Amino acid sequence: MRPPLGRFTGDKTKNTMSDTRYSQTTPFTAVFVIAITSVALVPIVAVLYSYDTLSMIESGIGFTILLATVGFLWFYRKRLNEPRNPVALDRTTIVGIVLGLLWFIEIGINNLIAPPLPLRDIIDNAFWAAIALAIFVLAIVSAYQTGSILHGMKVGAWSGLVSGLLACWTALSLIVFGIDFITRDPLNVAEWVVRGADTQAPTMAAYFAFETFAGAFLHLVVLGLVMGGLLGVIGGFIGESVGQVRRRMQGS
């Protein structure tokens, strides 16, 4: 096992025990638990609300995505928890969790309070902008501090993945435990009146269960990993460039 940089004591047993304690107590563990719980929620959604081949396929795709996410976290858990810079890793993971809590609030407002249009769109856009800006700034700062575009990209993708995973878990939990809130939403009721007869869904609950299901994975994949990665690349380029300019000015 590679020792912490600059702090090799020669006691490999001590270092191993320290690494184990670290991997068991950091926010990474919370992320892993959220991922496992999300995997468990998908079959429940499928059993309760699947109604045709397409809905079963959608359930299978969602299950596969989450299983791959869990596999990624499991396979890379030791690498992600390398004690090279545990403070930086913790900071990025905590930022991702905080941003995921913002998605939690946004989803809760939409489905529990159910504000009317256009207020709902304004709220959605405000939360999305705040989350995107936070990832972008984090990537800039990280790339600036390390002088690495790649580091900015990794930070952006990781914080995006963590936030998207929490949003996905929130939406899946809402389907399983709060479907009544979804079916009482005035906007959903109006949509079902217009579109219900044209769908294969036998009930309003089944229809909106899989509408919400699709939204859960939109947050995980597109608004989480993809958006985080893209913002990480752009922010990493800006941060690394600014860092280079400052270092040249200081060296001249």
C-alpha atoms as a PDB file:
ATOM      1  CA  MET A   1       0.000   0.000   0.000  1.00  0.00           C
ATOM      2  CA  ARG A   2       1.356   3.403  -0.932  1.00  0.00           C
ATOM      3  CA  PRO A   3       2.025   5.484   2.194  1.00  0.00           C
ATOM      4  CA  PRO A   4       0.655   9.020   2.632  1.00  0.00           C
ATOM      5  CA  LEU A   5       2.911  11.474   0.832  1.00  0.00           C
ATOM      6  CA  GLY A   6       5.373  13.127   3.136  1.00  0.00           C
ATOM      7  CA  ARG A   7       4.279  11.113   6.164  1.00  0.00           C
ATOM      8  CA  PHE A   8       5.800   7.654   5.796  1.00  0.00           C
ATOM      9  CA  THR A   9       6.497   6.336   9.248  1.00  0.00           C
ATOM     10  CA  GLY A  10       7.838   2.967   8.196  1.00  0.00           C
ATOM     11  CA  ASP A  11       4.986   1.242  10.011  1.00  0.00           C
ATOM     12  CA  LYS A  12       2.964  -0.394   7.212  1.00  0.00           C
ATOM     13  CA  THR A  13       0.503  -1.910   9.678  1.00  0.00           C
ATOM     14  CA  LYS A  14      -0.271   1.482  11.124  1.00  0.00           C
ATOM     15  CA  ASN A  15      -0.749   2.971   7.679  1.00  0.00           C
ATOM     16  CA  THR A  16      -3.064   0.126   6.648  1.00  0.00           C
ATOM     17  CA  MET A  17      -5.201   0.509   9.759  1.00  0.00           C
ATOM     18  CA  SER A  18      -5.387   4.265   9.180  1.00  0.00           C
ATOM     19  CA  ASP A  19      -6.479   3.777   5.573  1.00  0.00           C
ATOM     20  CA  THR A  20      -9.161   1.306   6.673  1.00  0.00           C
ATOM     21  CA  ARG A  21     -10.547   3.695   9.267  1.00  0.00           C
ATOM     22  CA  TYR A  22     -10.558   6.460   6.673  1.00  0.00           C
ATOM     23  CA  SER A  23     -12.467   4.421   4.078  1.00  0.00           C
ATOM     24  CA  GLN A  24     -15.073   3.475   6.683  1.00  0.00           C
ATOM     25  CA  THR A  25     -15.750   6.924   8.091  1.00  0.00           C
ATOM     26  CA  THR A  26     -15.635   9.383   5.206  1.00  0.00           C
ATOM     27  CA  PRO A  27     -18.622  10.754   3.256  1.00  0.00           C
ATOM     28  CA  PHE A  28     -17.772   8.203   0.560  1.00  0.00           C
ATOM     29  CA  THR A  29     -19.493   5.579   2.705  1.00  0.00           C
ATOM     30  CA  ALA A  30     -22.695   7.632   2.736  1.00  0.00           C
ATOM     31  CA  VAL A  31     -22.566   7.867  -1.056  1.00  0.00           C
ATOM     32  CA  PHE A  32     -22.127   4.111  -1.329  1.00  0.00           C
ATOM     33  CA  VAL A  33     -25.106   3.468   0.964  1.00  0.00           C
ATOM     34  CA  ILE A  34     -27.268   5.826  -1.121  1.00  0.00           C
ATOM     35  CA  ALA A  35     -26.275   3.927  -4.267  1.00  0.00           C
ATOM     36  CA  ILE A  36     -27.090   0.529  -2.725  1.00  0.00           C
ATOM     37  CA  THR A  37     -30.448   1.805  -1.470  1.00  0.00           C
ATOM     38  CA  SER A  38     -31.272   3.185  -4.911  1.00  0.00           C
ATOM     39  CA  VAL A  39     -30.561  -0.204  -6.481  1.00  0.00           C
ATOM     40  CA  ALA A  40     -32.981  -1.810  -4.023  1.00  0.00           C
ATOM     41  CA  LEU A  41     -35.729   0.705  -4.839  1.00  0.00           C
ATOM     42  CA  VAL A  42     -35.789  -0.020  -8.583  1.00  0.00           C
ATOM     43  CA  PRO A  43     -37.253  -3.569  -8.360  1.00  0.00           C
ATOM     44  CA  ILE A  44     -39.919  -2.253  -5.985  1.00  0.00           C
ATOM     45  CA  VAL A  45     -40.935   0.364  -8.543  1.00  0.00           C
ATOM     46  CA  ALA A  46     -40.986  -2.309 -11.247  1.00  0.00           C
ATOM     47  CA  VAL A  47     -43.172  -4.665  -9.207  1.00  0.00           C
ATOM     48  CA  LEU A  48     -45.601  -1.948  -8.144  1.00  0.00           C
ATOM     49  CA  TYR A  49     -46.012  -0.017 -11.373  1.00  0.00           C
ATOM     50  CA  SER A  50     -44.696  -1.851 -14.461  1.00  0.00           C
ATOM     51  CA  TYR A  51     -47.500  -2.338 -16.960  1.00  0.00           C
ATOM     52  CA  ASP A  52     -45.971  -3.266 -20.337  1.00  0.00           C
ATOM     53  CA  THR A  53     -42.749  -4.337 -22.020  1.00  0.00           C
ATOM     54  CA  LEU A  54     -41.482  -0.771 -22.353  1.00  0.00           C
ATOM     55  CA  SER A  55     -41.875  -0.039 -18.654  1.00  0.00           C
ATOM     56  CA  MET A  56     -40.074  -3.286 -17.811  1.00  0.00           C
ATOM     57  CA  ILE A  57     -37.239  -2.349 -20.168  1.00  0.00           C
ATOM     58  CA  GLU A  58     -37.050   1.087 -18.557  1.00  0.00           C
ATOM     59  CA  SER A  59     -36.824  -0.566 -15.141  1.00  0.00           C
ATOM     60  CA  GLY A  60     -34.066  -2.867 -16.387  1.00  0.00           C
ATOM     61  CA  ILE A  61     -32.059   0.018 -17.832  1.00  0.00           C
ATOM     62  CA  GLY A  62     -32.354   1.973 -14.600  1.00  0.00           C
ATOM     63  CA  PHE A  63     -31.346  -1.056 -12.553  1.00  0.00           C
ATOM     64  CA  THR A  64     -28.331  -1.636 -14.810  1.00  0.00           C
ATOM     65  CA  ILE A  65     -27.212   1.992 -14.533  1.00  0.00           C
ATOM     66  CA  LEU A  66     -27.388   1.930 -10.760  1.00  0.00           C
ATOM     67  CA  LEU A  67     -25.719  -1.474 -10.557  1.00  0.00           C
ATOM     68  CA  ALA A  68     -22.888  -0.120 -12.718  1.00  0.00           C
ATOM     69  CA  THR A  69     -22.652   2.887 -10.398  1.00  0.00           C
ATOM     70  CA  VAL A  70     -22.378   0.627  -7.367  1.00  0.00           C
ATOM     71  CA  GLY A  71     -19.782  -1.465  -9.162  1.00  0.00           C
ATOM     72  CA  PHE A  72     -17.769   1.631  -9.975  1.00  0.00           C
ATOM     73  CA  LEU A  73     -17.892   2.801  -6.363  1.00  0.00           C
ATOM     74  CA  TRP A  74     -16.960  -0.650  -5.066  1.00  0.00           C
ATOM     75  CA  PHE A  75     -14.153  -1.222  -7.551  1.00  0.00           C
ATOM     76  CA  TYR A  76     -12.588   2.197  -7.084  1.00  0.00           C
ATOM     77  CA  ARG A  77     -13.302   2.696  -3.406  1.00  0.00           C
ATOM     78  CA  LYS A  78      -9.675   2.134  -2.366  1.00  0.00           C
ATOM     79  CA  ARG A  79      -8.337   4.273  -5.180  1.00  0.00           C
ATOM     80  CA  LEU A  80     -10.774   7.089  -4.421  1.00  0.00           C
ATOM     81  CA  ASN A  81      -9.822   6.878  -0.758  1.00  0.00           C
ATOM     82  CA  GLU A  82      -6.067   6.967  -1.287  1.00  0.00           C
ATOM     83  CA  PRO A  83      -4.708   9.154   1.502  1.00  0.00           C
ATOM     84  CA  ARG A  84      -2.803  11.422  -0.901  1.00  0.00           C
ATOM     85  CA  ASN A  85      -5.212  14.229  -0.268  1.00  0.00           C
ATOM     86  CA  PRO A  86      -8.103  12.985   1.887  1.00  0.00           C
ATOM     87  CA  VAL A  87      -9.182  16.504   2.781  1.00  0.00           C
ATOM     88  CA  ALA A  88      -9.697  17.373  -0.896  1.00  0.00           C
ATOM     89  CA  LEU A  89     -11.615  14.146  -1.515  1.00  0.00           C
ATOM     90  CA  ASP A  90     -13.819  14.739   1.504  1.00  0.00           C
ATOM     91  CA  ARG A  91     -14.440  18.320   0.418  1.00  0.00           C
ATOM     92  CA  THR A  92     -15.504  17.298  -3.079  1.00  0.00           C
ATOM     93  CA  THR A  93     -17.752  14.516  -1.804  1.00  0.00           C
ATOM     94  CA  ILE A  94     -19.368  16.787   0.770  1.00  0.00           C
ATOM     95  CA  VAL A  95     -19.984  19.420  -1.908  1.00  0.00           C
ATOM     96  CA  GLY A  96     -21.649  16.743  -4.026  1.00  0.00           C
ATOM     97  CA  ILE A  97     -23.842  15.703  -1.100  1.00  0.00           C
ATOM     98  CA  VAL A  98     -24.811  19.319  -0.398  1.00  0.00           C
ATOM     99  CA  LEU A  99     -25.714  19.821  -4.055  1.00  0.00           C
ATOM    100  CA  GLY A 100     -27.691  16.592  -3.936  1.00  0.00           C
ATOM    101  CA  LEU A 101     -29.597  18.011  -0.979  1.00  0.00           C
ATOM    102  CA  LEU A 102     -30.452  21.013  -3.154  1.00  0.00           C
ATOM    103  CA  TRP A 103     -31.917  18.597  -5.704  1.00  0.00           C
ATOM    104  CA  PHE A 104     -33.758  16.962  -2.775  1.00  0.00           C
ATOM    105  CA  ILE A 105     -35.293  20.312  -1.853  1.00  0.00           C
ATOM    106  CA  GLU A 106     -36.167  21.102  -5.473  1.00  0.00           C
ATOM    107  CA  ILE A 107     -37.884  17.739  -5.971  1.00  0.00           C
ATOM    108  CA  GLY A 108     -39.682  18.170  -2.655  1.00  0.00           C
ATOM    109  CA  ILE A 109     -40.961  21.612  -3.616  1.00  0.00           C
ATOM    110  CA  ASN A 110     -42.239  20.324  -6.958  1.00  0.00           C
ATOM    111  CA  ASN A 111     -44.038  17.320  -5.531  1.00  0.00           C
ATOM    112  CA  LEU A 112     -45.008  18.256  -1.977  1.00  0.00           C
ATOM    113  CA  ILE A 113     -45.768  21.959  -2.326  1.00  0.00           C
ATOM    114  CA  ALA A 114     -46.527  21.758  -6.074  1.00  0.00           C
ATOM    115  CA  PRO A 115     -46.331  25.464  -6.977  1.00  0.00           C
ATOM    116  CA  PRO A 116     -48.153  26.556 -10.139  1.00  0.00           C
ATOM    117  CA  LEU A 117     -46.555  27.627 -13.391  1.00  0.00           C
ATOM    118  CA  PRO A 118     -44.538  29.730 -14.130  1.00  0.00           C
ATOM    119  CA  LEU A 119     -43.267  29.784 -10.530  1.00  0.00           C
ATOM    120  CA  ARG A 120     -42.342  26.113 -10.689  1.00  0.00           C
ATOM    121  CA  ASP A 121     -40.133  26.636 -13.742  1.00  0.00           C
ATOM    122  CA  ILE A 122     -38.445  29.606 -12.080  1.00  0.00           C
ATOM    123  CA  ILE A 123     -37.678  27.528  -8.993  1.00  0.00           C
ATOM    124  CA  ASP A 124     -36.386  24.626 -11.092  1.00  0.00           C
ATOM    125  CA  ASN A 125     -34.096  26.884 -13.109  1.00  0.00           C
ATOM    126  CA  ALA A 126     -32.807  28.629  -9.982  1.00  0.00           C
ATOM    127  CA  PHE A 127     -31.825  25.346  -8.322  1.00  0.00           C
ATOM    128  CA  TRP A 128     -30.278  24.009 -11.536  1.00  0.00           C
ATOM    129  CA  ALA A 129     -28.255  27.224 -12.019  1.00  0.00           C
ATOM    130  CA  ALA A 130     -27.014  27.208  -8.410  1.00  0.00           C
ATOM    131  CA  ILE A 131     -25.895  23.579  -8.634  1.00  0.00           C
ATOM    132  CA  ALA A 132     -24.189  24.069 -12.005  1.00  0.00           C
ATOM    133  CA  LEU A 133     -22.431  27.203 -10.782  1.00  0.00           C
ATOM    134  CA  ALA A 134     -21.172  25.453  -7.660  1.00  0.00           C
ATOM    135  CA  ILE A 135     -19.688  22.576  -9.688  1.00  0.00           C
ATOM    136  CA  PHE A 136     -18.141  25.032 -12.130  1.00  0.00           C
ATOM    137  CA  VAL A 137     -16.512  27.114  -9.385  1.00  0.00           C
ATOM    138  CA  LEU A 138     -15.270  23.997  -7.583  1.00  0.00           C
ATOM    139  CA  ALA A 139     -13.625  22.771 -10.791  1.00  0.00           C
ATOM    140  CA  ILE A 140     -11.966  26.163 -11.374  1.00  0.00           C
ATOM    141  CA  VAL A 141     -10.604  26.337  -7.839  1.00  0.00           C
ATOM    142  CA  SER A 142      -9.378  22.734  -7.875  1.00  0.00           C
ATOM    143  CA  ALA A 143      -7.619  23.124 -11.230  1.00  0.00           C
ATOM    144  CA  TYR A 144      -6.117  26.414 -10.122  1.00  0.00           C
ATOM    145  CA  GLN A 145      -4.737  24.886  -6.934  1.00  0.00           C
ATOM    146  CA  THR A 146      -3.342  21.770  -8.619  1.00  0.00           C
ATOM    147  CA  GLY A 147      -2.448  23.194 -12.029  1.00  0.00           C
ATOM    148  CA  SER A 148      -4.292  20.316 -13.696  1.00  0.00           C
ATOM    149  CA  ILE A 149      -7.232  20.441 -16.119  1.00  0.00           C
ATOM    150  CA  LEU A 150      -7.744  16.722 -15.538  1.00  0.00           C
ATOM    151  CA  HIS A 151      -8.148  17.320 -11.821  1.00  0.00           C
ATOM    152  CA  GLY A 152     -10.826  19.921 -12.503  1.00  0.00           C
ATOM    153  CA  MET A 153     -12.651  17.466 -14.742  1.00  0.00           C
ATOM    154  CA  LYS A 154     -12.481  14.711 -12.126  1.00  0.00           C
ATOM    155  CA  VAL A 155     -13.745  17.027  -9.397  1.00  0.00           C
ATOM    156  CA  GLY A 156     -16.603  18.221 -11.600  1.00  0.00           C
ATOM    157  CA  ALA A 157     -17.610  14.713 -12.651  1.00  0.00           C
ATOM    158  CA  TRP A 158     -17.364  13.326  -9.106  1.00  0.00           C
ATOM    159  CA  SER A 159     -19.375  16.117  -7.448  1.00  0.00           C
ATOM    160  CA  GLY A 160     -21.919  15.886 -10.274  1.00  0.00           C
ATOM    161  CA  LEU A 161     -22.222  12.119  -9.901  1.00  0.00           C
ATOM    162  CA  VAL A 162     -22.698  12.360  -6.137  1.00  0.00           C
ATOM    163  CA  SER A 163     -25.348  15.085  -6.433  1.00  0.00           C
ATOM    164  CA  GLY A 164     -27.134  13.253  -9.242  1.00  0.00           C
ATOM    165  CA  LEU A 165     -27.121  10.001  -7.279  1.00  0.00           C
ATOM    166  CA  LEU A 166     -28.798  11.687  -4.321  1.00  0.00           C
ATOM    167  CA  ALA A 167     -31.379  13.251  -6.660  1.00  0.00           C
ATOM    168  CA  CYS A 168     -32.033   9.835  -8.216  1.00  0.00           C
ATOM    169  CA  TRP A 169     -32.512   8.278  -4.774  1.00  0.00           C
ATOM    170  CA  THR A 170     -34.921  11.081  -3.846  1.00  0.00           C
ATOM    171  CA  ALA A 171     -37.078  10.538  -6.931  1.00  0.00           C
ATOM    172  CA  LEU A 172     -37.130   6.751  -6.516  1.00  0.00           C
ATOM    173  CA  SER A 173     -38.058   7.112  -2.844  1.00  0.00           C
ATOM    174  CA  LEU A 174     -40.849   9.482  -3.812  1.00  0.00           C
ATOM    175  CA  ILE A 175     -42.272   6.895  -6.223  1.00  0.00           C
ATOM    176  CA  VAL A 176     -42.193   4.117  -3.635  1.00  0.00           C
ATOM    177  CA  PHE A 177     -43.262   6.065  -0.555  1.00  0.00           C
ATOM    178  CA  GLY A 178     -44.966   9.215  -1.853  1.00  0.00           C
ATOM    179  CA  ILE A 179     -46.861   8.378  -5.030  1.00  0.00           C
ATOM    180  CA  ASP A 180     -49.977  10.056  -3.586  1.00  0.00           C
ATOM    181  CA  PHE A 181     -48.181  13.404  -3.655  1.00  0.00           C
ATOM    182  CA  ILE A 182     -47.380  12.892  -7.332  1.00  0.00           C
ATOM    183  CA  THR A 183     -50.916  11.955  -8.299  1.00  0.00           C
ATOM    184  CA  ARG A 184     -52.391  14.913  -6.375  1.00  0.00           C
ATOM    185  CA  ASP A 185     -50.217  17.459  -8.179  1.00  0.00           C
ATOM    186  CA  PRO A 186     -52.625  19.733 -10.130  1.00  0.00           C
ATOM    187  CA  LEU A 187     -50.277  19.851 -13.118  1.00  0.00           C
ATOM    188  CA  ASN A 188     -50.072  16.063 -13.220  1.00  0.00           C
ATOM    189  CA  VAL A 189     -53.830  15.739 -12.878  1.00  0.00           C
ATOM    190  CA  ALA A 190     -54.298  18.107 -15.816  1.00  0.00           C
ATOM    191  CA  GLU A 191     -51.751  16.184 -17.897  1.00  0.00           C
ATOM    192  CA  TRP A 192     -53.449  12.873 -17.148  1.00  0.00           C
ATOM    193  CA  VAL A 193     -56.810  14.248 -18.252  1.00  0.00           C
ATOM    194  CA  VAL A 194     -55.278  15.239 -21.590  1.00  0.00           C
ATOM    195  CA  ARG A 195     -52.927  12.324 -22.230  1.00  0.00           C
ATOM    196  CA  GLY A 196     -54.214   9.458 -20.104  1.00  0.00           C
ATOM    197  CA  ALA A 197     -56.391   7.927 -22.786  1.00  0.00           C
ATOM    198  CA  ASP A 198     -53.496   7.874 -25.262  1.00  0.00           C
ATOM    199  CA  THR A 199     -51.083   5.956 -23.042  1.00  0.00           C
ATOM    200  CA  GLN A 200     -50.768   2.256 -22.240  1.00  0.00           C
ATOM    201  CA  ALA A 201     -50.625   3.034 -18.518  1.00  0.00           C
ATOM    202  CA  PRO A 202     -53.616   1.513 -16.692  1.00  0.00           C
ATOM    203  CA  THR A 203     -53.580   4.102 -13.915  1.00  0.00           C
ATOM    204  CA  MET A 204     -52.392   7.619 -13.287  1.00  0.00           C
ATOM    205  CA  ALA A 205     -50.028   6.295 -10.613  1.00  0.00           C
ATOM    206  CA  ALA A 206     -48.348   3.906 -13.047  1.00  0.00           C
ATOM    207  CA  TYR A 207     -47.998   6.611 -15.696  1.00  0.00           C
ATOM    208  CA  PHE A 208     -46.372   9.159 -13.400  1.00  0.00           C
ATOM    209  CA  ALA A 209     -44.307   6.532 -11.598  1.00  0.00           C
ATOM    210  CA  PHE A 210     -42.367   5.984 -14.796  1.00  0.00           C
ATOM    211  CA  GLU A 211     -42.366   9.663 -15.718  1.00  0.00           C
ATOM    212  CA  THR A 212     -40.691  10.296 -12.365  1.00  0.00           C
ATOM    213  CA  PHE A 213     -38.477   7.236 -12.875  1.00  0.00           C
ATOM    214  CA  ALA A 214     -37.141   8.725 -16.111  1.00  0.00           C
ATOM    215  CA  GLY A 215     -36.550  12.030 -14.333  1.00  0.00           C
ATOM    216  CA  ALA A 216     -34.559  10.230 -11.638  1.00  0.00           C
ATOM    217  CA  PHE A 217     -32.058   8.921 -14.164  1.00  0.00           C
ATOM    218  CA  LEU A 218     -32.007  12.213 -16.047  1.00  0.00           C
ATOM    219  CA  HIS A 219     -30.667  13.752 -12.843  1.00  0.00           C
ATOM    220  CA  LEU A 220     -28.150  10.959 -12.317  1.00  0.00           C
ATOM    221  CA  VAL A 221     -26.726  10.683 -15.819  1.00  0.00           C
ATOM    222  CA  VAL A 222     -27.325  13.992 -17.626  1.00  0.00           C
ATOM    223  CA  LEU A 223     -27.598  16.585 -14.843  1.00  0.00           C
ATOM    224  CA  GLY A 224     -25.131  14.666 -12.697  1.00  0.00           C
ATOM    225  CA  LEU A 225     -22.275  12.887 -14.415  1.00  0.00           C
ATOM    226  CA  VAL A 226     -22.432  14.491 -17.879  1.00  0.00           C
ATOM    227  CA  MET A 227     -23.061  18.057 -16.735  1.00  0.00           C
ATOM    228  CA  GLY A 228     -20.485  17.710 -13.965  1.00  0.00           C
ATOM    229  CA  GLY A 229     -17.891  16.346 -16.368  1.00  0.00           C
ATOM    230  CA  LEU A 230     -18.452  19.110 -18.940  1.00  0.00           C
ATOM    231  CA  LEU A 231     -18.373  21.852 -16.329  1.00  0.00           C
ATOM    232  CA  GLY A 232     -15.283  20.199 -14.890  1.00  0.00           C
ATOM    233  CA  VAL A 233     -13.495  20.346 -18.244  1.00  0.00           C
ATOM    234  CA  ILE A 234     -14.385  23.998 -18.835  1.00  0.00           C
ATOM    235  CA  GLY A 235     -13.709  25.007 -15.255  1.00  0.00           C
ATOM    236  CA  GLY A 236     -10.495  22.988 -15.236  1.00  0.00           C
ATOM    237  CA  PHE A 237      -9.247  24.747 -18.349  1.00  0.00           C
ATOM    238  CA  ILE A 238     -10.023  28.171 -16.862  1.00  0.00           C
ATOM    239  CA  GLY A 239      -8.505  27.358 -13.479  1.00  0.00           C
ATOM    240  CA  GLU A 240      -5.345  25.843 -14.944  1.00  0.00           C
ATOM    241  CA  SER A 241      -4.936  28.780 -17.339  1.00  0.00           C
ATOM    242  CA  VAL A 242      -5.342  31.368 -14.589  1.00  0.00           C
ATOM    243  CA  GLY A 243      -2.871  29.444 -12.452  1.00  0.00           C
ATOM    244  CA  GLN A 244      -0.313  29.426 -15.256  1.00  0.00           C
ATOM    245  CA  VAL A 245      -0.674  33.169 -15.815  1.00  0.00           C
ATOM    246  CA  ARG A 246      -0.240  33.886 -12.119  1.00  0.00           C
ATOM    247  CA  ARG A 247       2.805  31.658 -11.829  1.00  0.00           C
ATOM    248  CA  ARG A 248       4.413  33.361 -14.814  1.00  0.00           C
ATOM    249  CA  MET A 249       3.708  36.791 -13.344  1.00  0.00           C
ATOM    250  CA  GLN A 250       5.207  35.743 -10.020  1.00  0.00           C
ATOM    251  CA  GLY A 251       8.252  34.282 -11.787  1.00  0.00           C
ATOM    252  CA  SER A 252       8.925  37.379 -13.843  1.00  0.00           C
END
